[in-house]
């Protein structure tokens, strides 16, 4: 089965179960999934109910789509994403993004829990993603081009939409939420980075590092989404403190900052 055939099969499977057209798509990162439990939900769909859909295996990722409204805006939320390190092909990792575009969503808000590389960052901060580095993970556009989504050689000069980024800045300021800005770098994972790698990433111009998002943003830009991204700085990256990094730490930090995060996302969606 080709990538296009698999995508269309998943889309038909969803359409047979859910009659809903979202305008905004949201991907929730580690520790940030509670937002989906608080919206005006009209339907949920477990990934396991979709024919051919990849399954999230990471603890803390529920693995379902939630359809509903934030204020008057129809949204689809991914409560748990699929990662390259879980062993999936990159085309499967970005399949959910492409699927939400076929559902009708026009705007994509990507969130993640990341390690802070910039020395000005602290655990618990938020970072507006202004650009990305994804050379350390395979490009999701390798292989057959899905012509129904976009061109073979898409421009990547503005992956993160400037207008949406300005909305995020304004909402953060209105709510008194501290918001850094910077470049997000994606690695393959699942191992956390070494101190030497973090030094290299800093030299390359990265402010935060994680194991997702950049590939999704690339596929989304190709498919015609307007993309915005927010990183939750769950911890400082390896070598910046004496503490070893753990996934439990990431989840705990995300849960502590979840109320602020929900306030920020709600405010952003209402103004989109």
C-alpha atoms as a PDB file:
ATOM      1  CA  UNK A   1       0.000   0.000   0.000  1.00  0.00           C
ATOM      2  CA  UNK A   2       1.401   3.412  -0.961  1.00  0.00           C
ATOM      3  CA  UNK A   3       1.600   6.336   1.455  1.00  0.00           C
ATOM      4  CA  UNK A   4      -1.221   8.058  -0.425  1.00  0.00           C
ATOM      5  CA  UNK A   5      -3.429   4.959  -0.323  1.00  0.00           C
ATOM      6  CA  UNK A   6      -2.835   4.508   3.406  1.00  0.00           C
ATOM      7  CA  UNK A   7      -3.648   8.169   4.092  1.00  0.00           C
ATOM      8  CA  UNK A   8      -6.878   8.002   2.104  1.00  0.00           C
ATOM      9  CA  UNK A   9      -7.851   4.713   3.795  1.00  0.00           C
ATOM     10  CA  UNK A  10      -7.456   6.333   7.224  1.00  0.00           C
ATOM     11  CA  UNK A  11      -9.437   9.353   6.078  1.00  0.00           C
ATOM     12  CA  UNK A  12     -12.313   7.206   4.825  1.00  0.00           C
ATOM     13  CA  UNK A  13     -12.277   5.268   8.103  1.00  0.00           C
ATOM     14  CA  UNK A  14     -12.646   8.498  10.102  1.00  0.00           C
ATOM     15  CA  UNK A  15     -15.360   9.900   7.832  1.00  0.00           C
ATOM     16  CA  UNK A  16     -17.395   6.734   8.341  1.00  0.00           C
ATOM     17  CA  UNK A  17     -17.343   7.311  12.100  1.00  0.00           C
ATOM     18  CA  UNK A  18     -17.145  11.096  12.672  1.00  0.00           C
ATOM     19  CA  UNK A  19     -19.058  13.881  10.907  1.00  0.00           C
ATOM     20  CA  UNK A  20     -17.081  16.952  11.969  1.00  0.00           C
ATOM     21  CA  UNK A  21     -15.029  19.583  10.131  1.00  0.00           C
ATOM     22  CA  UNK A  22     -12.352  21.240  12.283  1.00  0.00           C
ATOM     23  CA  UNK A  23     -10.788  24.593  11.530  1.00  0.00           C
ATOM     24  CA  UNK A  24      -7.875  24.312  13.964  1.00  0.00           C
ATOM     25  CA  UNK A  25      -5.788  21.199  14.654  1.00  0.00           C
ATOM     26  CA  UNK A  26      -3.786  20.922  17.889  1.00  0.00           C
ATOM     27  CA  UNK A  27      -1.091  18.394  18.805  1.00  0.00           C
ATOM     28  CA  UNK A  28      -0.523  18.054  22.557  1.00  0.00           C
ATOM     29  CA  UNK A  29       2.950  17.189  23.825  1.00  0.00           C
ATOM     30  CA  UNK A  30       4.074  15.115  26.809  1.00  0.00           C
ATOM     31  CA  UNK A  31       2.385  16.191  30.036  1.00  0.00           C
ATOM     32  CA  UNK A  32       0.114  18.635  28.224  1.00  0.00           C
ATOM     33  CA  UNK A  33      -2.744  16.332  27.248  1.00  0.00           C
ATOM     34  CA  UNK A  34      -5.226  17.553  29.881  1.00  0.00           C
ATOM     35  CA  UNK A  35      -6.415  20.366  27.609  1.00  0.00           C
ATOM     36  CA  UNK A  36      -8.319  17.837  25.498  1.00  0.00           C
ATOM     37  CA  UNK A  37     -10.293  16.729  28.562  1.00  0.00           C
ATOM     38  CA  UNK A  38     -11.610  20.250  29.168  1.00  0.00           C
ATOM     39  CA  UNK A  39     -12.929  21.376  25.783  1.00  0.00           C
ATOM     40  CA  UNK A  40     -16.557  21.187  24.614  1.00  0.00           C
ATOM     41  CA  UNK A  41     -16.065  17.729  23.117  1.00  0.00           C
ATOM     42  CA  UNK A  42     -18.564  16.366  20.613  1.00  0.00           C
ATOM     43  CA  UNK A  43     -16.728  13.108  19.845  1.00  0.00           C
ATOM     44  CA  UNK A  44     -13.558  11.128  20.517  1.00  0.00           C
ATOM     45  CA  UNK A  45     -11.887   8.513  18.368  1.00  0.00           C
ATOM     46  CA  UNK A  46      -9.130   6.211  19.579  1.00  0.00           C
ATOM     47  CA  UNK A  47      -6.311   5.712  17.107  1.00  0.00           C
ATOM     48  CA  UNK A  48      -6.954   1.962  17.350  1.00  0.00           C
ATOM     49  CA  UNK A  49     -10.389   2.513  15.781  1.00  0.00           C
ATOM     50  CA  UNK A  50      -8.882   3.936  12.570  1.00  0.00           C
ATOM     51  CA  UNK A  51      -7.922   1.406   9.907  1.00  0.00           C
ATOM     52  CA  UNK A  52      -4.145   1.437   9.389  1.00  0.00           C
ATOM     53  CA  UNK A  53      -3.442   4.251  11.841  1.00  0.00           C
ATOM     54  CA  UNK A  54      -0.129   4.039  13.794  1.00  0.00           C
ATOM     55  CA  UNK A  55      -0.497   3.545  17.559  1.00  0.00           C
ATOM     56  CA  UNK A  56       1.183   5.738  20.174  1.00  0.00           C
ATOM     57  CA  UNK A  57       3.127   3.592  22.661  1.00  0.00           C
ATOM     58  CA  UNK A  58       4.556   6.294  24.953  1.00  0.00           C
ATOM     59  CA  UNK A  59       3.384   6.509  28.561  1.00  0.00           C
ATOM     60  CA  UNK A  60       1.292   9.633  29.111  1.00  0.00           C
ATOM     61  CA  UNK A  61       0.018   9.763  25.516  1.00  0.00           C
ATOM     62  CA  UNK A  62      -3.628   8.614  25.450  1.00  0.00           C
ATOM     63  CA  UNK A  63      -3.672   7.961  21.725  1.00  0.00           C
ATOM     64  CA  UNK A  64      -6.900   9.499  20.466  1.00  0.00           C
ATOM     65  CA  UNK A  65      -8.453  12.334  18.507  1.00  0.00           C
ATOM     66  CA  UNK A  66     -10.797  14.649  20.397  1.00  0.00           C
ATOM     67  CA  UNK A  67     -13.265  16.679  18.329  1.00  0.00           C
ATOM     68  CA  UNK A  68     -14.986  19.703  19.786  1.00  0.00           C
ATOM     69  CA  UNK A  69     -14.937  23.451  20.252  1.00  0.00           C
ATOM     70  CA  UNK A  70     -12.812  26.006  22.025  1.00  0.00           C
ATOM     71  CA  UNK A  71     -15.085  29.038  22.307  1.00  0.00           C
ATOM     72  CA  UNK A  72     -16.801  28.938  18.891  1.00  0.00           C
ATOM     73  CA  UNK A  73     -13.863  27.441  17.002  1.00  0.00           C
ATOM     74  CA  UNK A  74     -14.179  23.818  15.814  1.00  0.00           C
ATOM     75  CA  UNK A  75     -10.990  21.949  16.715  1.00  0.00           C
ATOM     76  CA  UNK A  76      -9.473  18.502  16.451  1.00  0.00           C
ATOM     77  CA  UNK A  77      -6.915  17.643  19.123  1.00  0.00           C
ATOM     78  CA  UNK A  78      -4.336  14.893  19.028  1.00  0.00           C
ATOM     79  CA  UNK A  79      -4.078  13.622  22.593  1.00  0.00           C
ATOM     80  CA  UNK A  80      -0.797  11.797  22.075  1.00  0.00           C
ATOM     81  CA  UNK A  81       1.414  11.825  18.994  1.00  0.00           C
ATOM     82  CA  UNK A  82       3.404   9.158  17.167  1.00  0.00           C
ATOM     83  CA  UNK A  83       7.215   9.370  17.342  1.00  0.00           C
ATOM     84  CA  UNK A  84       9.916   8.209  14.953  1.00  0.00           C
ATOM     85  CA  UNK A  85      11.752   6.483  17.815  1.00  0.00           C
ATOM     86  CA  UNK A  86       8.801   4.133  18.314  1.00  0.00           C
ATOM     87  CA  UNK A  87       9.943   2.365  15.161  1.00  0.00           C
ATOM     88  CA  UNK A  88       7.483   3.800  12.672  1.00  0.00           C
ATOM     89  CA  UNK A  89       8.364   4.986   9.192  1.00  0.00           C
ATOM     90  CA  UNK A  90       8.512   8.765   9.000  1.00  0.00           C
ATOM     91  CA  UNK A  91       5.519   8.703   6.657  1.00  0.00           C
ATOM     92  CA  UNK A  92       3.514   7.124   9.505  1.00  0.00           C
ATOM     93  CA  UNK A  93       4.790   9.698  12.011  1.00  0.00           C
ATOM     94  CA  UNK A  94       3.379  12.567   9.939  1.00  0.00           C
ATOM     95  CA  UNK A  95       0.280  10.694   8.733  1.00  0.00           C
ATOM     96  CA  UNK A  96      -1.892  12.229  11.515  1.00  0.00           C
ATOM     97  CA  UNK A  97      -0.884  15.740  10.429  1.00  0.00           C
ATOM     98  CA  UNK A  98      -1.817  15.046   6.830  1.00  0.00           C
ATOM     99  CA  UNK A  99      -5.017  13.387   7.983  1.00  0.00           C
ATOM    100  CA  UNK A 100      -6.126  16.454   9.944  1.00  0.00           C
ATOM    101  CA  UNK A 101      -5.517  18.550   6.840  1.00  0.00           C
ATOM    102  CA  UNK A 102      -7.792  16.238   4.838  1.00  0.00           C
ATOM    103  CA  UNK A 103     -10.406  16.594   7.606  1.00  0.00           C
ATOM    104  CA  UNK A 104     -10.534  20.286   6.702  1.00  0.00           C
ATOM    105  CA  UNK A 105      -8.281  21.916   9.310  1.00  0.00           C
ATOM    106  CA  UNK A 106      -6.472  25.032   8.068  1.00  0.00           C
ATOM    107  CA  UNK A 107      -4.395  25.989  11.123  1.00  0.00           C
ATOM    108  CA  UNK A 108      -2.055  23.693  13.056  1.00  0.00           C
ATOM    109  CA  UNK A 109      -0.811  24.415  16.579  1.00  0.00           C
ATOM    110  CA  UNK A 110       2.060  22.121  17.529  1.00  0.00           C
ATOM    111  CA  UNK A 111       3.131  21.784  21.161  1.00  0.00           C
ATOM    112  CA  UNK A 112       5.837  19.739  22.811  1.00  0.00           C
ATOM    113  CA  UNK A 113       7.863  19.261  25.954  1.00  0.00           C
ATOM    114  CA  UNK A 114      11.471  20.177  25.211  1.00  0.00           C
ATOM    115  CA  UNK A 115      14.860  20.509  26.821  1.00  0.00           C
ATOM    116  CA  UNK A 116      16.141  24.057  27.153  1.00  0.00           C
ATOM    117  CA  UNK A 117      19.489  24.741  25.482  1.00  0.00           C
ATOM    118  CA  UNK A 118      19.419  28.535  25.783  1.00  0.00           C
ATOM    119  CA  UNK A 119      21.033  29.499  29.104  1.00  0.00           C
ATOM    120  CA  UNK A 120      18.336  32.153  29.643  1.00  0.00           C
ATOM    121  CA  UNK A 121      15.626  29.481  29.860  1.00  0.00           C
ATOM    122  CA  UNK A 122      14.384  27.819  33.038  1.00  0.00           C
ATOM    123  CA  UNK A 123      12.350  24.677  33.571  1.00  0.00           C
ATOM    124  CA  UNK A 124       8.661  25.612  33.374  1.00  0.00           C
ATOM    125  CA  UNK A 125       9.111  28.345  30.746  1.00  0.00           C
ATOM    126  CA  UNK A 126       7.371  28.483  27.363  1.00  0.00           C
ATOM    127  CA  UNK A 127       9.066  29.123  24.014  1.00  0.00           C
ATOM    128  CA  UNK A 128       7.436  30.334  20.822  1.00  0.00           C
ATOM    129  CA  UNK A 129       9.015  28.343  17.995  1.00  0.00           C
ATOM    130  CA  UNK A 130      10.193  30.773  15.335  1.00  0.00           C
ATOM    131  CA  UNK A 131      12.213  28.310  13.237  1.00  0.00           C
ATOM    132  CA  UNK A 132      13.553  24.789  13.353  1.00  0.00           C
ATOM    133  CA  UNK A 133      16.453  22.457  12.633  1.00  0.00           C
ATOM    134  CA  UNK A 134      15.512  18.939  11.571  1.00  0.00           C
ATOM    135  CA  UNK A 135      18.644  17.663   9.843  1.00  0.00           C
ATOM    136  CA  UNK A 136      19.062  15.017  12.559  1.00  0.00           C
ATOM    137  CA  UNK A 137      15.783  13.282  11.663  1.00  0.00           C
ATOM    138  CA  UNK A 138      14.730  11.991   8.220  1.00  0.00           C
ATOM    139  CA  UNK A 139      12.786  14.441   6.089  1.00  0.00           C
ATOM    140  CA  UNK A 140       9.117  13.361   6.041  1.00  0.00           C
ATOM    141  CA  UNK A 141       8.781  14.335   2.366  1.00  0.00           C
ATOM    142  CA  UNK A 142      11.237  11.657   1.181  1.00  0.00           C
ATOM    143  CA  UNK A 143       9.519   9.159  -1.116  1.00  0.00           C
ATOM    144  CA  UNK A 144       6.434   9.604  -3.231  1.00  0.00           C
ATOM    145  CA  UNK A 145       4.957  13.080  -3.251  1.00  0.00           C
ATOM    146  CA  UNK A 146       1.304  13.307  -2.234  1.00  0.00           C
ATOM    147  CA  UNK A 147       0.160  15.632  -4.992  1.00  0.00           C
ATOM    148  CA  UNK A 148      -3.260  16.204  -3.412  1.00  0.00           C
ATOM    149  CA  UNK A 149      -1.477  17.893  -0.491  1.00  0.00           C
ATOM    150  CA  UNK A 150       1.393  19.859  -1.980  1.00  0.00           C
ATOM    151  CA  UNK A 151       4.244  20.339  -4.429  1.00  0.00           C
ATOM    152  CA  UNK A 152       7.296  18.088  -4.726  1.00  0.00           C
ATOM    153  CA  UNK A 153       9.715  20.837  -3.608  1.00  0.00           C
ATOM    154  CA  UNK A 154       7.951  23.075  -1.050  1.00  0.00           C
ATOM    155  CA  UNK A 155       9.458  26.330   0.186  1.00  0.00           C
ATOM    156  CA  UNK A 156      10.427  26.305   3.891  1.00  0.00           C
ATOM    157  CA  UNK A 157      11.352  29.965   4.376  1.00  0.00           C
ATOM    158  CA  UNK A 158       8.411  30.541   6.752  1.00  0.00           C
ATOM    159  CA  UNK A 159       7.433  27.237   8.342  1.00  0.00           C
ATOM    160  CA  UNK A 160       5.962  28.988  11.385  1.00  0.00           C
ATOM    161  CA  UNK A 161       3.396  31.545  10.297  1.00  0.00           C
ATOM    162  CA  UNK A 162       4.306  35.086  11.361  1.00  0.00           C
ATOM    163  CA  UNK A 163       0.707  36.164  11.846  1.00  0.00           C
ATOM    164  CA  UNK A 164      -0.050  33.237  14.151  1.00  0.00           C
ATOM    165  CA  UNK A 165       3.182  33.837  16.052  1.00  0.00           C
ATOM    166  CA  UNK A 166       2.120  37.424  16.687  1.00  0.00           C
ATOM    167  CA  UNK A 167      -1.203  36.201  18.089  1.00  0.00           C
ATOM    168  CA  UNK A 168       0.678  33.923  20.505  1.00  0.00           C
ATOM    169  CA  UNK A 169       2.897  36.808  21.624  1.00  0.00           C
ATOM    170  CA  UNK A 170      -0.104  39.045  22.244  1.00  0.00           C
ATOM    171  CA  UNK A 171      -2.065  36.420  24.182  1.00  0.00           C
ATOM    172  CA  UNK A 172       0.939  35.591  26.361  1.00  0.00           C
ATOM    173  CA  UNK A 173       1.387  39.282  27.140  1.00  0.00           C
ATOM    174  CA  UNK A 174      -2.318  39.739  27.933  1.00  0.00           C
ATOM    175  CA  UNK A 175      -2.259  36.828  30.387  1.00  0.00           C
ATOM    176  CA  UNK A 176       1.098  37.703  31.926  1.00  0.00           C
ATOM    177  CA  UNK A 177       2.686  34.471  30.691  1.00  0.00           C
ATOM    178  CA  UNK A 178       6.456  34.577  30.217  1.00  0.00           C
ATOM    179  CA  UNK A 179       7.217  33.592  26.626  1.00  0.00           C
ATOM    180  CA  UNK A 180      10.668  33.109  25.143  1.00  0.00           C
ATOM    181  CA  UNK A 181      11.279  32.763  21.427  1.00  0.00           C
ATOM    182  CA  UNK A 182      13.722  30.519  19.652  1.00  0.00           C
ATOM    183  CA  UNK A 183      14.741  27.712  17.339  1.00  0.00           C
ATOM    184  CA  UNK A 184      13.615  24.144  18.021  1.00  0.00           C
ATOM    185  CA  UNK A 185      15.848  21.225  17.043  1.00  0.00           C
ATOM    186  CA  UNK A 186      14.513  17.702  16.552  1.00  0.00           C
ATOM    187  CA  UNK A 187      16.568  14.575  17.168  1.00  0.00           C
ATOM    188  CA  UNK A 188      15.397  11.023  16.579  1.00  0.00           C
ATOM    189  CA  UNK A 189      15.440   9.956  20.254  1.00  0.00           C
ATOM    190  CA  UNK A 190      14.658   7.949  22.299  1.00  0.00           C
ATOM    191  CA  UNK A 191      17.894   8.538  24.213  1.00  0.00           C
ATOM    192  CA  UNK A 192      18.287  11.996  25.675  1.00  0.00           C
ATOM    193  CA  UNK A 193      21.155  13.998  24.180  1.00  0.00           C
ATOM    194  CA  UNK A 194      24.741  13.878  25.418  1.00  0.00           C
ATOM    195  CA  UNK A 195      26.417  17.005  26.858  1.00  0.00           C
ATOM    196  CA  UNK A 196      28.653  17.201  23.775  1.00  0.00           C
ATOM    197  CA  UNK A 197      25.645  17.036  21.466  1.00  0.00           C
ATOM    198  CA  UNK A 198      23.955  19.838  23.385  1.00  0.00           C
ATOM    199  CA  UNK A 199      27.077  21.985  22.925  1.00  0.00           C
ATOM    200  CA  UNK A 200      26.946  21.265  19.186  1.00  0.00           C
ATOM    201  CA  UNK A 201      23.251  22.137  18.965  1.00  0.00           C
ATOM    202  CA  UNK A 202      23.901  25.429  20.770  1.00  0.00           C
ATOM    203  CA  UNK A 203      26.628  26.275  18.244  1.00  0.00           C
ATOM    204  CA  UNK A 204      24.179  25.493  15.429  1.00  0.00           C
ATOM    205  CA  UNK A 205      21.726  28.025  16.852  1.00  0.00           C
ATOM    206  CA  UNK A 206      19.175  25.836  18.646  1.00  0.00           C
ATOM    207  CA  UNK A 207      17.411  27.107  21.773  1.00  0.00           C
ATOM    208  CA  UNK A 208      15.455  23.952  22.624  1.00  0.00           C
ATOM    209  CA  UNK A 209      15.643  20.272  21.698  1.00  0.00           C
ATOM    210  CA  UNK A 210      13.111  17.464  21.494  1.00  0.00           C
ATOM    211  CA  UNK A 211      12.074  14.312  19.651  1.00  0.00           C
ATOM    212  CA  UNK A 212       9.097  15.518  17.599  1.00  0.00           C
ATOM    213  CA  UNK A 213       7.461  18.558  15.967  1.00  0.00           C
ATOM    214  CA  UNK A 214       9.956  19.572  13.263  1.00  0.00           C
ATOM    215  CA  UNK A 215       9.000  16.684  10.991  1.00  0.00           C
ATOM    216  CA  UNK A 216       5.320  17.434  11.634  1.00  0.00           C
ATOM    217  CA  UNK A 217       5.795  21.119  10.825  1.00  0.00           C
ATOM    218  CA  UNK A 218       7.583  20.232   7.582  1.00  0.00           C
ATOM    219  CA  UNK A 219       4.755  17.932   6.475  1.00  0.00           C
ATOM    220  CA  UNK A 220       2.162  20.504   7.562  1.00  0.00           C
ATOM    221  CA  UNK A 221       3.821  23.305   5.627  1.00  0.00           C
ATOM    222  CA  UNK A 222       3.935  21.055   2.563  1.00  0.00           C
ATOM    223  CA  UNK A 223       0.204  20.358   2.960  1.00  0.00           C
ATOM    224  CA  UNK A 224      -0.751  24.037   3.146  1.00  0.00           C
ATOM    225  CA  UNK A 225      -1.338  24.388   6.874  1.00  0.00           C
ATOM    226  CA  UNK A 226      -0.677  27.681   8.632  1.00  0.00           C
ATOM    227  CA  UNK A 227       1.603  26.451  11.428  1.00  0.00           C
ATOM    228  CA  UNK A 228       2.380  27.746  14.923  1.00  0.00           C
ATOM    229  CA  UNK A 229       4.473  26.058  17.597  1.00  0.00           C
ATOM    230  CA  UNK A 230       4.973  26.313  21.353  1.00  0.00           C
ATOM    231  CA  UNK A 231       7.573  24.394  23.361  1.00  0.00           C
ATOM    232  CA  UNK A 232       7.161  23.811  27.062  1.00  0.00           C
ATOM    233  CA  UNK A 233      10.655  23.807  28.576  1.00  0.00           C
ATOM    234  CA  UNK A 234      10.314  20.776  30.844  1.00  0.00           C
ATOM    235  CA  UNK A 235      13.957  20.749  31.903  1.00  0.00           C
ATOM    236  CA  UNK A 236      17.353  22.119  31.030  1.00  0.00           C
ATOM    237  CA  UNK A 237      19.195  19.984  28.506  1.00  0.00           C
ATOM    238  CA  UNK A 238      21.848  17.431  29.367  1.00  0.00           C
ATOM    239  CA  UNK A 239      25.060  18.897  30.796  1.00  0.00           C
ATOM    240  CA  UNK A 240      23.425  22.152  31.908  1.00  0.00           C
ATOM    241  CA  UNK A 241      22.633  20.740  35.365  1.00  0.00           C
ATOM    242  CA  UNK A 242      24.006  17.881  37.421  1.00  0.00           C
ATOM    243  CA  UNK A 243      20.686  16.005  37.348  1.00  0.00           C
ATOM    244  CA  UNK A 244      20.081  13.039  35.003  1.00  0.00           C
ATOM    245  CA  UNK A 245      17.119  13.433  32.638  1.00  0.00           C
ATOM    246  CA  UNK A 246      14.028  11.216  32.876  1.00  0.00           C
ATOM    247  CA  UNK A 247      10.670  11.003  31.109  1.00  0.00           C
ATOM    248  CA  UNK A 248       8.934  11.084  34.496  1.00  0.00           C
ATOM    249  CA  UNK A 249      10.496  14.500  35.106  1.00  0.00           C
ATOM    250  CA  UNK A 250       9.114  15.732  31.783  1.00  0.00           C
ATOM    251  CA  UNK A 251       5.608  14.489  32.597  1.00  0.00           C
ATOM    252  CA  UNK A 252       5.658  15.959  36.109  1.00  0.00           C
ATOM    253  CA  UNK A 253       6.848  19.368  34.898  1.00  0.00           C
ATOM    254  CA  UNK A 254       4.177  19.425  32.179  1.00  0.00           C
ATOM    255  CA  UNK A 255       1.410  18.656  34.662  1.00  0.00           C
ATOM    256  CA  UNK A 256       2.558  21.466  36.978  1.00  0.00           C
ATOM    257  CA  UNK A 257       2.484  24.039  34.183  1.00  0.00           C
ATOM    258  CA  UNK A 258      -0.643  22.639  32.508  1.00  0.00           C
ATOM    259  CA  UNK A 259      -3.019  25.369  33.813  1.00  0.00           C
ATOM    260  CA  UNK A 260      -0.896  28.151  32.300  1.00  0.00           C
ATOM    261  CA  UNK A 261      -0.521  26.187  29.095  1.00  0.00           C
ATOM    262  CA  UNK A 262      -4.281  25.670  28.789  1.00  0.00           C
ATOM    263  CA  UNK A 263      -4.851  29.372  29.409  1.00  0.00           C
ATOM    264  CA  UNK A 264      -2.387  30.253  26.667  1.00  0.00           C
ATOM    265  CA  UNK A 265      -3.769  27.800  24.093  1.00  0.00           C
ATOM    266  CA  UNK A 266      -7.391  28.740  24.767  1.00  0.00           C
ATOM    267  CA  UNK A 267      -6.589  32.411  24.324  1.00  0.00           C
ATOM    268  CA  UNK A 268      -4.655  31.744  21.108  1.00  0.00           C
ATOM    269  CA  UNK A 269      -7.390  29.619  19.518  1.00  0.00           C
ATOM    270  CA  UNK A 270     -10.059  32.201  20.370  1.00  0.00           C
ATOM    271  CA  UNK A 271      -8.104  34.830  18.409  1.00  0.00           C
ATOM    272  CA  UNK A 272      -7.166  32.655  15.408  1.00  0.00           C
END
